[in-house]
All heavy atoms as atom14 arrays in JSON, in Angstrom:
{
  "sequence": "VELSRPLGDRVVVDATTGLVVPRRAREPR",
  "atom14_mask": [
    [1, 1, 1, 1, 1, 1, 1, 0, 0, 0, 0, 0, 0, 0],
    [1, 1, 1, 1, 1, 1, 1, 1, 1, 0, 0, 0, 0, 0],
    [1, 1, 1, 1, 1, 1, 1, 1, 0, 0, 0, 0, 0, 0],
    [1, 1, 1, 1, 1, 1, 0, 0, 0, 0, 0, 0, 0, 0],
    [1, 1, 1, 1, 1, 1, 1, 1, 1, 1, 1, 0, 0, 0],
    [1, 1, 1, 1, 1, 1, 1, 0, 0, 0, 0, 0, 0, 0],
    [1, 1, 1, 1, 1, 1, 1, 1, 0, 0, 0, 0, 0, 0],
    [1, 1, 1, 1, 0, 0, 0, 0, 0, 0, 0, 0, 0, 0],
    [1, 1, 1, 1, 1, 1, 1, 1, 0, 0, 0, 0, 0, 0],
    [1, 1, 1, 1, 1, 1, 1, 1, 1, 1, 1, 0, 0, 0],
    [1, 1, 1, 1, 1, 1, 1, 0, 0, 0, 0, 0, 0, 0],
    [1, 1, 1, 1, 1, 1, 1, 0, 0, 0, 0, 0, 0, 0],
    [1, 1, 1, 1, 1, 1, 1, 0, 0, 0, 0, 0, 0, 0],
    [1, 1, 1, 1, 1, 1, 1, 1, 0, 0, 0, 0, 0, 0],
    [1, 1, 1, 1, 1, 0, 0, 0, 0, 0, 0, 0, 0, 0],
    [1, 1, 1, 1, 1, 1, 1, 0, 0, 0, 0, 0, 0, 0],
    [1, 1, 1, 1, 1, 1, 1, 0, 0, 0, 0, 0, 0, 0],
    [1, 1, 1, 1, 0, 0, 0, 0, 0, 0, 0, 0, 0, 0],
    [1, 1, 1, 1, 1, 1, 1, 1, 0, 0, 0, 0, 0, 0],
    [1, 1, 1, 1, 1, 1, 1, 0, 0, 0, 0, 0, 0, 0],
    [1, 1, 1, 1, 1, 1, 1, 0, 0, 0, 0, 0, 0, 0],
    [1, 1, 1, 1, 1, 1, 1, 0, 0, 0, 0, 0, 0, 0],
    [1, 1, 1, 1, 1, 1, 1, 1, 1, 1, 1, 0, 0, 0],
    [1, 1, 1, 1, 1, 1, 1, 1, 1, 1, 1, 0, 0, 0],
    [1, 1, 1, 1, 1, 0, 0, 0, 0, 0, 0, 0, 0, 0],
    [1, 1, 1, 1, 1, 1, 1, 1, 1, 1, 1, 0, 0, 0],
    [1, 1, 1, 1, 1, 1, 1, 1, 1, 0, 0, 0, 0, 0],
    [1, 1, 1, 1, 1, 1, 1, 0, 0, 0, 0, 0, 0, 0],
    [1, 1, 1, 1, 1, 1, 1, 1, 1, 1, 1, 0, 0, 0]
  ],
  "atom14_positions": [
    [[-15.01, 94.11, -144.57], [-16.11, 93.16, -144.45], [-15.54, 91.74, -144.44], [-14.7, 91.39, -145.27], [-17.11, 93.33, -145.61], [-18.22, 92.3, -145.51], [-17.69, 94.73, -145.61], [0.0, 0.0, 0.0], [0.0, 0.0, 0.0], [0.0, 0.0, 0.0], [0.0, 0.0, 0.0], [0.0, 0.0, 0.0], [0.0, 0.0, 0.0], [0.0, 0.0, 0.0]],
    [[-16.0, 90.94, -143.5], [-15.57, 89.55, -143.4], [-16.51, 88.67, -144.22], [-17.72, 88.6, -143.93], [-15.57, 89.09, -141.95], [-14.67, 89.9, -141.03], [-13.23, 89.46, -141.09], [-12.94, 88.48, -141.82], [-12.4, 90.09, -140.41], [0.0, 0.0, 0.0], [0.0, 0.0, 0.0], [0.0, 0.0, 0.0], [0.0, 0.0, 0.0], [0.0, 0.0, 0.0]],
    [[-15.97, 87.98, -145.25], [-16.76, 87.06, -146.05], [-16.56, 85.63, -145.56], [-15.59, 85.32, -144.86], [-16.38, 87.17, -147.53], [-16.48, 88.55, -148.17], [-16.04, 88.47, -149.63], [-17.88, 89.11, -148.05], [0.0, 0.0, 0.0], [0.0, 0.0, 0.0], [0.0, 0.0, 0.0], [0.0, 0.0, 0.0], [0.0, 0.0, 0.0], [0.0, 0.0, 0.0]],
    [[-17.45, 84.76, -145.97], [-17.34, 83.36, -145.57], [-16.24, 82.63, -146.33], [-15.74, 81.59, -145.9], [-18.68, 82.63, -145.78], [-19.03, 82.63, -147.16], [0.0, 0.0, 0.0], [0.0, 0.0, 0.0], [0.0, 0.0, 0.0], [0.0, 0.0, 0.0], [0.0, 0.0, 0.0], [0.0, 0.0, 0.0], [0.0, 0.0, 0.0], [0.0, 0.0, 0.0]],
    [[-15.88, 83.16, -147.52], [-14.79, 82.61, -148.32], [-14.19, 83.74, -149.16], [-14.8, 84.8, -149.3], [-15.29, 81.47, -149.21], [-16.39, 81.86, -150.2], [-16.91, 80.63, -150.91], [-18.05, 80.9, -151.78], [-17.95, 81.22, -153.07], [-16.74, 81.31, -153.64], [-19.04, 81.44, -153.79], [0.0, 0.0, 0.0], [0.0, 0.0, 0.0], [0.0, 0.0, 0.0]],
    [[-12.99, 83.54, -149.72], [-12.37, 84.61, -150.5], [-13.28, 85.11, -151.62], [-14.04, 84.35, -152.22], [-11.09, 83.97, -151.05], [-10.77, 82.9, -150.06], [-12.1, 82.37, -149.59], [0.0, 0.0, 0.0], [0.0, 0.0, 0.0], [0.0, 0.0, 0.0], [0.0, 0.0, 0.0], [0.0, 0.0, 0.0], [0.0, 0.0, 0.0], [0.0, 0.0, 0.0]],
    [[-13.18, 86.4, -151.9], [-14.01, 87.02, -152.93], [-13.75, 86.4, -154.3], [-14.68, 86.18, -155.07], [-13.74, 88.53, -152.96], [-14.51, 89.35, -153.99], [-16.0, 89.28, -153.7], [-14.03, 90.8, -153.99], [0.0, 0.0, 0.0], [0.0, 0.0, 0.0], [0.0, 0.0, 0.0], [0.0, 0.0, 0.0], [0.0, 0.0, 0.0], [0.0, 0.0, 0.0]],
    [[-12.5, 86.14, -154.61], [-12.14, 85.52, -155.89], [-12.55, 86.4, -157.06], [-12.34, 87.62, -157.06], [0.0, 0.0, 0.0], [0.0, 0.0, 0.0], [0.0, 0.0, 0.0], [0.0, 0.0, 0.0], [0.0, 0.0, 0.0], [0.0, 0.0, 0.0], [0.0, 0.0, 0.0], [0.0, 0.0, 0.0], [0.0, 0.0, 0.0], [0.0, 0.0, 0.0]],
    [[-13.17, 85.78, -158.08], [-13.57, 86.54, -159.26], [-15.02, 87.01, -159.19], [-15.59, 87.47, -160.18], [-13.36, 85.71, -160.53], [-14.14, 84.4, -160.5], [-14.85, 84.16, -159.49], [-14.06, 83.64, -161.49], [0.0, 0.0, 0.0], [0.0, 0.0, 0.0], [0.0, 0.0, 0.0], [0.0, 0.0, 0.0], [0.0, 0.0, 0.0], [0.0, 0.0, 0.0]],
    [[-15.62, 86.93, -158.02], [-16.98, 87.43, -157.87], [-16.99, 88.96, -157.87], [-16.06, 89.6, -157.38], [-17.61, 86.92, -156.57], [-17.85, 85.42, -156.54], [-18.47, 84.98, -155.22], [-17.56, 85.15, -154.1], [-17.9, 84.95, -152.82], [-19.14, 84.58, -152.53], [-17.01, 85.11, -151.86], [0.0, 0.0, 0.0], [0.0, 0.0, 0.0], [0.0, 0.0, 0.0]],
    [[-18.05, 89.54, -158.43], [-18.17, 91.0, -158.42], [-18.85, 91.44, -157.14], [-19.56, 90.67, -156.48], [-18.97, 91.51, -159.64], [-18.27, 91.16, -160.94], [-20.4, 90.97, -159.63], [0.0, 0.0, 0.0], [0.0, 0.0, 0.0], [0.0, 0.0, 0.0], [0.0, 0.0, 0.0], [0.0, 0.0, 0.0], [0.0, 0.0, 0.0], [0.0, 0.0, 0.0]],
    [[-18.6, 92.71, -156.77], [-19.26, 93.31, -155.61], [-20.4, 94.18, -156.12], [-20.19, 95.04, -156.98], [-18.28, 94.14, -154.77], [-19.02, 94.88, -153.65], [-17.2, 93.24, -154.19], [0.0, 0.0, 0.0], [0.0, 0.0, 0.0], [0.0, 0.0, 0.0], [0.0, 0.0, 0.0], [0.0, 0.0, 0.0], [0.0, 0.0, 0.0], [0.0, 0.0, 0.0]],
    [[-21.59, 93.97, -155.6], [-22.78, 94.71, -156.02], [-23.29, 95.55, -154.86], [-23.39, 95.06, -153.72], [-23.89, 93.75, -156.51], [-25.18, 94.52, -156.83], [-23.42, 92.97, -157.72], [0.0, 0.0, 0.0], [0.0, 0.0, 0.0], [0.0, 0.0, 0.0], [0.0, 0.0, 0.0], [0.0, 0.0, 0.0], [0.0, 0.0, 0.0], [0.0, 0.0, 0.0]],
    [[-23.58, 96.81, -155.13], [-24.17, 97.69, -154.12], [-25.64, 97.31, -153.97], [-26.45, 97.48, -154.88], [-24.05, 99.15, -154.58], [-24.49, 100.14, -153.52], [-25.19, 99.74, -152.57], [-24.16, 101.34, -153.65], [0.0, 0.0, 0.0], [0.0, 0.0, 0.0], [0.0, 0.0, 0.0], [0.0, 0.0, 0.0], [0.0, 0.0, 0.0], [0.0, 0.0, 0.0]],
    [[-26.02, 96.79, -152.8], [-27.39, 96.35, -152.59], [-28.39, 97.5, -152.65], [-29.57, 97.29, -152.9], [-27.5, 95.63, -151.24], [0.0, 0.0, 0.0], [0.0, 0.0, 0.0], [0.0, 0.0, 0.0], [0.0, 0.0, 0.0], [0.0, 0.0, 0.0], [0.0, 0.0, 0.0], [0.0, 0.0, 0.0], [0.0, 0.0, 0.0], [0.0, 0.0, 0.0]],
    [[-27.9, 98.74, -152.43], [-28.79, 99.89, -152.44], [-29.14, 100.34, -153.85], [-30.24, 100.81, -154.12], [-28.15, 101.06, -151.67], [-27.89, 100.63, -150.32], [-29.04, 102.28, -151.64], [0.0, 0.0, 0.0], [0.0, 0.0, 0.0], [0.0, 0.0, 0.0], [0.0, 0.0, 0.0], [0.0, 0.0, 0.0], [0.0, 0.0, 0.0], [0.0, 0.0, 0.0]],
    [[-28.18, 100.21, -154.78], [-28.41, 100.67, -156.16], [-28.57, 99.53, -157.15], [-29.09, 99.73, -158.25], [-27.23, 101.55, -156.62], [-26.03, 100.76, -156.67], [-27.03, 102.72, -155.66], [0.0, 0.0, 0.0], [0.0, 0.0, 0.0], [0.0, 0.0, 0.0], [0.0, 0.0, 0.0], [0.0, 0.0, 0.0], [0.0, 0.0, 0.0], [0.0, 0.0, 0.0]],
    [[-28.09, 98.33, -156.79], [-28.11, 97.21, -157.72], [-27.0, 97.26, -158.75], [-26.98, 96.44, -159.67], [0.0, 0.0, 0.0], [0.0, 0.0, 0.0], [0.0, 0.0, 0.0], [0.0, 0.0, 0.0], [0.0, 0.0, 0.0], [0.0, 0.0, 0.0], [0.0, 0.0, 0.0], [0.0, 0.0, 0.0], [0.0, 0.0, 0.0], [0.0, 0.0, 0.0]],
    [[-26.05, 98.19, -158.6], [-24.97, 98.36, -159.56], [-23.7, 97.68, -159.09], [-23.44, 97.57, -157.87], [-24.7, 99.85, -159.79], [-25.88, 100.69, -160.31], [-25.48, 102.16, -160.41], [-26.37, 100.18, -161.66], [0.0, 0.0, 0.0], [0.0, 0.0, 0.0], [0.0, 0.0, 0.0], [0.0, 0.0, 0.0], [0.0, 0.0, 0.0], [0.0, 0.0, 0.0]],
    [[-22.9, 97.26, -160.07], [-21.59, 96.69, -159.74], [-20.68, 97.8, -159.24], [-20.61, 98.89, -159.84], [-20.98, 96.0, -160.97], [-19.56, 95.53, -160.67], [-21.86, 94.83, -161.41], [0.0, 0.0, 0.0], [0.0, 0.0, 0.0], [0.0, 0.0, 0.0], [0.0, 0.0, 0.0], [0.0, 0.0, 0.0], [0.0, 0.0, 0.0], [0.0, 0.0, 0.0]],
    [[-19.98, 97.54, -158.15], [-19.12, 98.55, -157.53], [-17.75, 98.52, -158.18], [-17.18, 97.44, -158.39], [-19.0, 98.27, -156.01], [-18.13, 99.32, -155.34], [-20.39, 98.23, -155.37], [0.0, 0.0, 0.0], [0.0, 0.0, 0.0], [0.0, 0.0, 0.0], [0.0, 0.0, 0.0], [0.0, 0.0, 0.0], [0.0, 0.0, 0.0], [0.0, 0.0, 0.0]],
    [[-17.18, 99.68, -158.56], [-15.85, 99.68, -159.17], [-14.78, 99.23, -158.19], [-14.86, 99.49, -156.98], [-15.65, 101.14, -159.58], [-16.58, 101.93, -158.74], [-17.77, 101.04, -158.49], [0.0, 0.0, 0.0], [0.0, 0.0, 0.0], [0.0, 0.0, 0.0], [0.0, 0.0, 0.0], [0.0, 0.0, 0.0], [0.0, 0.0, 0.0], [0.0, 0.0, 0.0]],
    [[-13.81, 98.57, -158.74], [-12.7, 98.08, -157.93], [-11.65, 99.17, -157.79], [-11.31, 99.85, -158.75], [-12.1, 96.84, -158.59], [-10.87, 96.27, -157.93], [-10.51, 94.96, -158.59], [-9.25, 94.42, -158.1], [-8.83, 93.19, -158.3], [-9.59, 92.34, -158.99], [-7.68, 92.76, -157.82], [0.0, 0.0, 0.0], [0.0, 0.0, 0.0], [0.0, 0.0, 0.0]],
    [[-11.13, 99.32, -156.59], [-10.09, 100.32, -156.31], [-8.77, 99.61, -156.12], [-8.7, 98.56, -155.46], [-10.46, 101.12, -155.06], [-9.38, 102.13, -154.62], [-9.93, 103.12, -153.6], [-10.76, 102.54, -152.58], [-10.45, 102.54, -151.28], [-9.3, 103.05, -150.86], [-11.27, 102.01, -150.4], [0.0, 0.0, 0.0], [0.0, 0.0, 0.0], [0.0, 0.0, 0.0]],
    [[-7.74, 100.17, -156.7], [-6.41, 99.56, -156.58], [-5.96, 99.6, -155.12], [-6.19, 100.58, -154.41], [-5.42, 100.28, -157.47], [0.0, 0.0, 0.0], [0.0, 0.0, 0.0], [0.0, 0.0, 0.0], [0.0, 0.0, 0.0], [0.0, 0.0, 0.0], [0.0, 0.0, 0.0], [0.0, 0.0, 0.0], [0.0, 0.0, 0.0], [0.0, 0.0, 0.0]],
    [[-5.32, 98.52, -154.71], [-4.8, 98.47, -153.34], [-3.64, 99.44, -153.2], [-2.75, 99.49, -154.05], [-4.35, 97.05, -153.0], [-3.87, 96.9, -151.56], [-3.31, 95.53, -151.27], [-4.37, 94.52, -151.29], [-4.54, 93.62, -152.23], [-3.72, 93.62, -153.29], [-5.5, 92.73, -152.17], [0.0, 0.0, 0.0], [0.0, 0.0, 0.0], [0.0, 0.0, 0.0]],
    [[-3.68, 100.23, -152.15], [-2.59, 101.17, -151.92], [-1.33, 100.4, -151.57], [-1.37, 99.43, -150.81], [-2.95, 102.15, -150.8], [-4.15, 103.03, -151.12], [-4.47, 103.98, -150.01], [-3.75, 103.94, -148.97], [-5.42, 104.76, -150.13], [0.0, 0.0, 0.0], [0.0, 0.0, 0.0], [0.0, 0.0, 0.0], [0.0, 0.0, 0.0], [0.0, 0.0, 0.0]],
    [[-0.18, 100.85, -152.1], [1.06, 100.14, -151.8], [1.4, 100.25, -150.31], [1.16, 101.27, -149.68], [2.11, 100.9, -152.65], [1.49, 102.24, -152.92], [0.03, 102.02, -152.99], [0.0, 0.0, 0.0], [0.0, 0.0, 0.0], [0.0, 0.0, 0.0], [0.0, 0.0, 0.0], [0.0, 0.0, 0.0], [0.0, 0.0, 0.0], [0.0, 0.0, 0.0]],
    [[1.9, 99.16, -149.79], [2.29, 99.15, -148.38], [3.56, 99.96, -148.2], [4.52, 99.82, -148.95], [2.52, 97.72, -147.89], [1.26, 96.83, -148.0], [1.56, 95.46, -147.44], [0.43, 94.57, -147.58], [-0.57, 94.5, -146.71], [-0.54, 95.3, -145.64], [-1.58, 93.67, -146.9], [0.0, 0.0, 0.0], [0.0, 0.0, 0.0], [0.0, 0.0, 0.0]]
  ]
}
């Protein structure tokens, strides 16, 4: 998803459930 600015310390919320979405660790390159 392309945001207008970096996500930073903002949380991601599922608009369908209203719940905060868990963060997944980035897979190593």
